[in-house]
Amino acid sequence: MEIFRIKTNKREEMISITSHIRNILGKNNIKNGIILLHIPHTTAAITINENADPDVKSDILNYLRKLIPENYNFQHIEGNSDAHIKASLIGNNLVVIVENGNLMLGRWQDIFFCEFDGPREREVWVKIING
């Protein structure tokens, strides 16, 4: 397993980590298999979505803020229940197929680390399964 760190700069943001994952594949000379990505945090998540138009990331974050506002009357004493809920909705695991050394992503797709309670230093855990 490999672990890499991400330093986030805002309370909520989506950061493309596709290049990090491609570098890990290349460094390990992985040709075929799957890659499992796990976020070991309860207020962060991981997803695949479009990276051609930056408005998509903004739209996702803005709509999540509308659905789950930070200032709602949550019971959690730390004041970040909205981040926990957003992370639960998006999810903390992804599996991506690797074929001929390439991540099998669609034309517009990137892998995004989703921060909902930053800024922080976070980890992404990567497990490669050859096949």
N, C-alpha and C. Protein backbone atom coordinates (compact mmCIF):
# COMPACT_ATOMS: atom_id res chain seq x y z
N MET A 1 0.85 -1.18 0.00
CA MET A 1 0.00 0.00 0.00
C MET A 1 0.89 1.24 0.00
N GLU A 2 0.46 2.24 -0.71
CA GLU A 2 1.14 3.53 -0.72
C GLU A 2 0.20 4.58 -0.11
N ILE A 3 0.82 5.56 0.51
CA ILE A 3 0.07 6.67 1.10
C ILE A 3 0.69 7.96 0.58
N PHE A 4 -0.16 8.87 0.14
CA PHE A 4 0.36 10.21 -0.16
C PHE A 4 -0.51 11.24 0.55
N ARG A 5 0.08 12.39 0.79
CA ARG A 5 -0.57 13.46 1.55
C ARG A 5 -1.01 14.59 0.64
N ILE A 6 -2.10 15.20 1.05
CA ILE A 6 -2.64 16.37 0.36
C ILE A 6 -2.84 17.47 1.39
N LYS A 7 -2.37 18.65 1.07
CA LYS A 7 -2.63 19.81 1.92
C LYS A 7 -3.75 20.61 1.26
N THR A 8 -4.88 20.71 1.96
CA THR A 8 -6.00 21.46 1.41
C THR A 8 -5.91 22.90 1.89
N ASN A 9 -6.53 23.80 1.14
CA ASN A 9 -6.40 25.23 1.42
C ASN A 9 -7.69 25.92 1.81
N LYS A 10 -8.82 25.24 1.62
CA LYS A 10 -10.13 25.85 1.89
C LYS A 10 -10.96 24.89 2.74
N ARG A 11 -12.03 25.39 3.29
CA ARG A 11 -12.93 24.51 4.05
C ARG A 11 -13.51 23.44 3.14
N GLU A 12 -13.92 23.83 1.94
CA GLU A 12 -14.47 22.89 0.98
C GLU A 12 -13.81 23.10 -0.38
N GLU A 13 -13.31 22.00 -0.92
CA GLU A 13 -12.73 22.06 -2.26
C GLU A 13 -12.60 20.66 -2.84
N MET A 14 -12.49 20.62 -4.15
CA MET A 14 -12.27 19.37 -4.86
C MET A 14 -10.94 19.50 -5.60
N ILE A 15 -10.02 18.58 -5.30
CA ILE A 15 -8.67 18.64 -5.84
C ILE A 15 -8.44 17.41 -6.70
N SER A 16 -8.05 17.63 -7.95
CA SER A 16 -7.74 16.49 -8.82
C SER A 16 -6.47 15.81 -8.32
N ILE A 17 -6.57 14.48 -8.14
CA ILE A 17 -5.40 13.69 -7.73
C ILE A 17 -5.03 12.66 -8.81
N THR A 18 -5.58 12.82 -9.99
CA THR A 18 -5.35 11.87 -11.07
C THR A 18 -3.87 11.74 -11.39
N SER A 19 -3.16 12.84 -11.45
CA SER A 19 -1.72 12.78 -11.78
C SER A 19 -0.94 12.04 -10.71
N HIS A 20 -1.31 12.19 -9.44
CA HIS A 20 -0.66 11.44 -8.36
C HIS A 20 -0.84 9.94 -8.58
N ILE A 21 -2.06 9.55 -8.94
CA ILE A 21 -2.36 8.13 -9.12
C ILE A 21 -1.61 7.60 -10.34
N ARG A 22 -1.57 8.36 -11.41
CA ARG A 22 -0.81 7.93 -12.61
C ARG A 22 0.67 7.77 -12.28
N ASN A 23 1.21 8.67 -11.47
CA ASN A 23 2.62 8.56 -11.07
C ASN A 23 2.88 7.29 -10.27
N ILE A 24 1.96 6.95 -9.39
CA ILE A 24 2.10 5.72 -8.60
C ILE A 24 2.07 4.50 -9.51
N LEU A 25 1.16 4.50 -10.49
CA LEU A 25 1.10 3.38 -11.43
C LEU A 25 2.41 3.24 -12.19
N GLY A 26 2.92 4.36 -12.70
CA GLY A 26 4.18 4.33 -13.45
C GLY A 26 5.36 3.89 -12.61
N LYS A 27 5.45 4.41 -11.40
CA LYS A 27 6.55 4.06 -10.49
C LYS A 27 6.56 2.57 -10.17
N ASN A 28 5.38 1.98 -10.09
CA ASN A 28 5.26 0.57 -9.76
C ASN A 28 5.15 -0.33 -10.99
N ASN A 29 5.26 0.29 -12.18
CA ASN A 29 5.21 -0.44 -13.45
C ASN A 29 3.97 -1.35 -13.54
N ILE A 30 2.82 -0.80 -13.18
CA ILE A 30 1.57 -1.56 -13.21
C ILE A 30 0.97 -1.47 -14.62
N LYS A 31 0.71 -2.62 -15.20
CA LYS A 31 0.14 -2.66 -16.55
C LYS A 31 -1.36 -2.96 -16.53
N ASN A 32 -1.76 -3.95 -15.73
CA ASN A 32 -3.17 -4.35 -15.68
C ASN A 32 -3.55 -4.69 -14.26
N GLY A 33 -4.79 -4.38 -13.92
CA GLY A 33 -5.29 -4.68 -12.59
C GLY A 33 -6.33 -3.67 -12.17
N ILE A 34 -6.38 -3.45 -10.88
CA ILE A 34 -7.25 -2.41 -10.33
C ILE A 34 -6.48 -1.63 -9.28
N ILE A 35 -6.94 -0.44 -9.06
CA ILE A 35 -6.36 0.39 -8.01
C ILE A 35 -7.50 0.79 -7.08
N LEU A 36 -7.28 0.55 -5.80
CA LEU A 36 -8.26 0.90 -4.77
C LEU A 36 -7.76 2.15 -4.07
N LEU A 37 -8.61 3.16 -4.01
CA LEU A 37 -8.29 4.42 -3.36
C LEU A 37 -9.19 4.56 -2.14
N HIS A 38 -8.58 4.87 -1.00
CA HIS A 38 -9.34 4.99 0.25
C HIS A 38 -8.96 6.28 0.95
N ILE A 39 -9.96 6.99 1.46
CA ILE A 39 -9.75 8.21 2.23
C ILE A 39 -10.05 7.88 3.69
N PRO A 40 -9.01 7.91 4.56
CA PRO A 40 -9.20 7.51 5.96
C PRO A 40 -9.63 8.67 6.86
N HIS A 41 -10.54 9.47 6.38
CA HIS A 41 -11.01 10.64 7.13
C HIS A 41 -12.53 10.68 7.09
N THR A 42 -13.15 11.17 8.14
CA THR A 42 -14.62 11.20 8.20
C THR A 42 -15.23 12.49 7.66
N THR A 43 -14.39 13.45 7.30
CA THR A 43 -14.91 14.71 6.74
C THR A 43 -14.29 15.00 5.37
N ALA A 44 -13.82 13.96 4.70
CA ALA A 44 -13.28 14.09 3.35
C ALA A 44 -13.76 12.88 2.55
N ALA A 45 -13.68 12.98 1.23
CA ALA A 45 -14.21 11.93 0.37
C ALA A 45 -13.42 11.85 -0.92
N ILE A 46 -13.83 10.92 -1.78
CA ILE A 46 -13.19 10.76 -3.08
C ILE A 46 -14.26 10.44 -4.11
N THR A 47 -14.10 11.00 -5.31
CA THR A 47 -15.08 10.77 -6.37
C THR A 47 -14.41 10.91 -7.73
N ILE A 48 -15.12 10.47 -8.74
CA ILE A 48 -14.72 10.68 -10.14
C ILE A 48 -15.77 11.58 -10.76
N ASN A 49 -15.29 12.63 -11.45
CA ASN A 49 -16.21 13.51 -12.14
C ASN A 49 -15.46 14.30 -13.20
N GLU A 50 -16.17 15.19 -13.86
CA GLU A 50 -15.59 15.97 -14.95
C GLU A 50 -14.56 16.98 -14.45
N ASN A 51 -13.48 17.10 -15.23
CA ASN A 51 -12.48 18.11 -14.92
C ASN A 51 -12.22 19.03 -16.11
N ALA A 52 -13.02 18.95 -17.14
CA ALA A 52 -12.84 19.83 -18.30
C ALA A 52 -13.33 21.24 -18.02
N ASP A 53 -14.41 21.36 -17.28
CA ASP A 53 -15.01 22.65 -16.96
C ASP A 53 -14.98 22.83 -15.44
N PRO A 54 -14.24 23.82 -14.92
CA PRO A 54 -14.16 24.01 -13.47
C PRO A 54 -15.49 24.35 -12.81
N ASP A 55 -16.47 24.76 -13.61
CA ASP A 55 -17.79 25.05 -13.05
C ASP A 55 -18.47 23.81 -12.49
N VAL A 56 -18.09 22.62 -12.98
CA VAL A 56 -18.69 21.39 -12.46
C VAL A 56 -18.32 21.23 -10.99
N LYS A 57 -17.05 21.42 -10.65
CA LYS A 57 -16.64 21.33 -9.24
C LYS A 57 -17.37 22.36 -8.39
N SER A 58 -17.45 23.58 -8.88
CA SER A 58 -18.16 24.64 -8.16
C SER A 58 -19.63 24.30 -7.97
N ASP A 59 -20.24 23.78 -9.02
CA ASP A 59 -21.67 23.42 -8.94
C ASP A 59 -21.89 22.33 -7.90
N ILE A 60 -21.02 21.32 -7.89
CA ILE A 60 -21.16 20.23 -6.92
C ILE A 60 -21.05 20.78 -5.50
N LEU A 61 -20.00 21.55 -5.24
CA LEU A 61 -19.80 22.10 -3.89
C LEU A 61 -20.92 23.04 -3.48
N ASN A 62 -21.34 23.91 -4.40
CA ASN A 62 -22.42 24.86 -4.09
C ASN A 62 -23.73 24.14 -3.79
N TYR A 63 -24.03 23.10 -4.55
CA TYR A 63 -25.29 22.39 -4.32
C TYR A 63 -25.25 21.60 -3.01
N LEU A 64 -24.09 21.00 -2.71
CA LEU A 64 -23.96 20.32 -1.42
C LEU A 64 -24.13 21.30 -0.26
N ARG A 65 -23.57 22.52 -0.39
CA ARG A 65 -23.75 23.54 0.65
C ARG A 65 -25.22 23.91 0.82
N LYS A 66 -25.94 23.97 -0.30
CA LYS A 66 -27.36 24.30 -0.25
C LYS A 66 -28.15 23.17 0.43
N LEU A 67 -27.84 21.93 0.07
CA LEU A 67 -28.55 20.78 0.65
C LEU A 67 -28.22 20.57 2.12
N ILE A 68 -26.95 20.79 2.47
CA ILE A 68 -26.46 20.51 3.82
C ILE A 68 -25.69 21.73 4.31
N PRO A 69 -26.36 22.72 4.81
CA PRO A 69 -25.69 23.96 5.23
C PRO A 69 -24.86 23.75 6.49
N GLU A 70 -23.76 24.48 6.55
CA GLU A 70 -22.86 24.41 7.70
C GLU A 70 -23.55 24.88 8.98
N ASN A 71 -24.41 25.87 8.86
CA ASN A 71 -25.01 26.49 10.04
C ASN A 71 -26.35 25.90 10.46
N TYR A 72 -26.67 24.70 9.99
CA TYR A 72 -27.89 24.03 10.42
C TYR A 72 -27.76 23.66 11.90
N ASN A 73 -28.84 23.43 12.56
CA ASN A 73 -28.83 23.16 14.00
C ASN A 73 -28.46 21.70 14.30
N PHE A 74 -27.23 21.31 13.92
CA PHE A 74 -26.75 19.95 14.19
C PHE A 74 -26.37 19.81 15.66
N GLN A 75 -26.39 18.60 16.17
CA GLN A 75 -26.08 18.31 17.57
C GLN A 75 -24.58 18.12 17.83
N HIS A 76 -23.84 17.70 16.83
CA HIS A 76 -22.42 17.37 16.99
C HIS A 76 -21.65 18.59 17.52
N ILE A 77 -20.98 18.41 18.62
CA ILE A 77 -20.34 19.52 19.34
C ILE A 77 -19.20 20.19 18.57
N GLU A 78 -18.54 19.43 17.68
CA GLU A 78 -17.41 20.00 16.94
C GLU A 78 -17.83 21.00 15.87
N GLY A 79 -19.12 21.03 15.53
CA GLY A 79 -19.59 22.01 14.56
C GLY A 79 -19.31 21.68 13.11
N ASN A 80 -18.98 20.43 12.82
CA ASN A 80 -18.68 20.07 11.44
C ASN A 80 -19.54 18.91 10.93
N SER A 81 -20.74 18.80 11.46
CA SER A 81 -21.63 17.72 11.02
C SER A 81 -21.91 17.79 9.53
N ASP A 82 -22.00 18.99 8.99
CA ASP A 82 -22.24 19.10 7.55
C ASP A 82 -21.13 18.40 6.77
N ALA A 83 -19.89 18.52 7.23
CA ALA A 83 -18.76 17.87 6.56
C ALA A 83 -18.87 16.36 6.66
N HIS A 84 -19.28 15.85 7.80
CA HIS A 84 -19.45 14.40 7.96
C HIS A 84 -20.53 13.88 7.01
N ILE A 85 -21.62 14.60 6.89
CA ILE A 85 -22.72 14.16 6.02
C ILE A 85 -22.30 14.20 4.56
N LYS A 86 -21.64 15.28 4.14
CA LYS A 86 -21.18 15.38 2.75
C LYS A 86 -20.20 14.27 2.41
N ALA A 87 -19.28 13.99 3.32
CA ALA A 87 -18.31 12.91 3.09
C ALA A 87 -19.02 11.56 2.98
N SER A 88 -20.03 11.35 3.82
CA SER A 88 -20.77 10.09 3.75
C SER A 88 -21.52 9.94 2.44
N LEU A 89 -22.09 11.02 1.95
CA LEU A 89 -22.82 10.97 0.68
C LEU A 89 -21.90 10.70 -0.51
N ILE A 90 -20.74 11.32 -0.53
CA ILE A 90 -19.80 11.14 -1.65
C ILE A 90 -19.09 9.80 -1.54
N GLY A 91 -18.63 9.45 -0.36
CA GLY A 91 -17.98 8.16 -0.15
C GLY A 91 -16.48 8.26 0.04
N ASN A 92 -15.91 7.22 0.64
CA ASN A 92 -14.48 7.27 0.94
C ASN A 92 -13.65 6.23 0.20
N ASN A 93 -14.23 5.51 -0.77
CA ASN A 93 -13.49 4.52 -1.56
C ASN A 93 -13.82 4.63 -3.03
N LEU A 94 -12.82 4.30 -3.85
CA LEU A 94 -13.01 4.19 -5.30
C LEU A 94 -12.19 3.01 -5.78
N VAL A 95 -12.69 2.34 -6.81
CA VAL A 95 -11.92 1.33 -7.51
C VAL A 95 -11.87 1.75 -8.97
N VAL A 96 -10.64 1.76 -9.54
CA VAL A 96 -10.46 2.14 -10.93
C VAL A 96 -9.70 1.03 -11.64
N ILE A 97 -10.18 0.66 -12.82
CA ILE A 97 -9.51 -0.36 -13.63
C ILE A 97 -8.24 0.22 -14.23
N VAL A 98 -7.20 -0.60 -14.28
CA VAL A 98 -5.95 -0.24 -14.95
C VAL A 98 -5.77 -1.22 -16.11
N GLU A 99 -5.61 -0.69 -17.31
CA GLU A 99 -5.45 -1.52 -18.51
C GLU A 99 -4.32 -0.95 -19.34
N ASN A 100 -3.34 -1.79 -19.66
CA ASN A 100 -2.17 -1.37 -20.44
C ASN A 100 -1.48 -0.15 -19.82
N GLY A 101 -1.42 -0.12 -18.50
CA GLY A 101 -0.74 0.95 -17.78
C GLY A 101 -1.54 2.23 -17.64
N ASN A 102 -2.78 2.24 -18.11
CA ASN A 102 -3.61 3.45 -18.08
C ASN A 102 -4.79 3.29 -17.12
N LEU A 103 -5.11 4.38 -16.44
CA LEU A 103 -6.35 4.43 -15.68
C LEU A 103 -7.50 4.46 -16.68
N MET A 104 -8.46 3.61 -16.48
CA MET A 104 -9.59 3.54 -17.41
C MET A 104 -10.66 4.55 -16.97
N LEU A 105 -10.38 5.80 -17.30
CA LEU A 105 -11.30 6.90 -17.02
C LEU A 105 -11.89 7.38 -18.33
N GLY A 106 -13.10 7.92 -18.25
CA GLY A 106 -13.72 8.51 -19.43
C GLY A 106 -13.00 9.77 -19.87
N ARG A 107 -13.32 10.23 -21.04
CA ARG A 107 -12.64 11.37 -21.66
C ARG A 107 -12.54 12.59 -20.74
N TRP A 108 -13.60 12.90 -20.02
CA TRP A 108 -13.64 14.11 -19.22
C TRP A 108 -13.37 13.86 -17.74
N GLN A 109 -13.15 12.60 -17.37
CA GLN A 109 -13.10 12.25 -15.96
C GLN A 109 -11.73 12.44 -15.33
N ASP A 110 -11.75 12.85 -14.07
CA ASP A 110 -10.59 12.90 -13.20
C ASP A 110 -11.02 12.33 -11.85
N ILE A 111 -10.02 11.99 -11.05
CA ILE A 111 -10.26 11.52 -9.69
C ILE A 111 -10.07 12.72 -8.77
N PHE A 112 -11.06 12.97 -7.91
CA PHE A 112 -11.02 14.14 -7.05
C PHE A 112 -11.02 13.77 -5.57
N PHE A 113 -10.10 14.39 -4.83
CA PHE A 113 -10.16 14.38 -3.38
C PHE A 113 -11.11 15.51 -2.99
N CYS A 114 -12.08 15.22 -2.14
CA CYS A 114 -13.08 16.20 -1.73
C CYS A 114 -12.87 16.57 -0.27
N GLU A 115 -12.53 17.80 -0.04
CA GLU A 115 -12.35 18.33 1.33
C GLU A 115 -13.63 19.02 1.76
N PHE A 116 -14.10 18.69 2.97
CA PHE A 116 -15.31 19.33 3.49
C PHE A 116 -15.11 19.97 4.85
N ASP A 117 -13.88 19.91 5.40
CA ASP A 117 -13.62 20.47 6.73
C ASP A 117 -12.18 20.96 6.83
N GLY A 118 -11.75 21.68 5.82
CA GLY A 118 -10.36 22.14 5.79
C GLY A 118 -10.22 23.55 6.30
N PRO A 119 -9.05 24.09 6.10
CA PRO A 119 -7.88 23.44 5.50
C PRO A 119 -7.22 22.46 6.46
N ARG A 120 -6.68 21.40 5.89
CA ARG A 120 -6.03 20.35 6.66
C ARG A 120 -4.97 19.66 5.81
N GLU A 121 -4.19 18.82 6.48
CA GLU A 121 -3.33 17.89 5.76
C GLU A 121 -4.01 16.53 5.83
N ARG A 122 -4.19 15.92 4.67
CA ARG A 122 -4.95 14.68 4.56
C ARG A 122 -4.10 13.58 3.93
N GLU A 123 -4.61 12.36 3.99
CA GLU A 123 -3.95 11.22 3.37
C GLU A 123 -4.88 10.56 2.36
N VAL A 124 -4.26 9.98 1.34
CA VAL A 124 -4.95 9.11 0.40
C VAL A 124 -4.20 7.78 0.43
N TRP A 125 -4.92 6.71 0.68
CA TRP A 125 -4.33 5.37 0.71
C TRP A 125 -4.59 4.71 -0.64
N VAL A 126 -3.55 4.10 -1.18
CA VAL A 126 -3.62 3.50 -2.52
C VAL A 126 -3.19 2.04 -2.43
N LYS A 127 -4.05 1.15 -2.89
CA LYS A 127 -3.73 -0.28 -2.94
C LYS A 127 -3.86 -0.73 -4.38
N ILE A 128 -2.79 -1.29 -4.91
CA ILE A 128 -2.77 -1.77 -6.28
C ILE A 128 -2.91 -3.28 -6.26
N ILE A 129 -3.81 -3.79 -7.09
CA ILE A 129 -4.00 -5.23 -7.23
C ILE A 129 -3.70 -5.58 -8.69
N ASN A 130 -2.58 -6.26 -8.91
CA ASN A 130 -2.18 -6.66 -10.26
C ASN A 130 -3.11 -7.73 -10.79
N GLY A 131 -3.32 -7.68 -12.08
CA GLY A 131 -4.15 -8.72 -12.66
C GLY A 131 -4.15 -8.63 -14.11
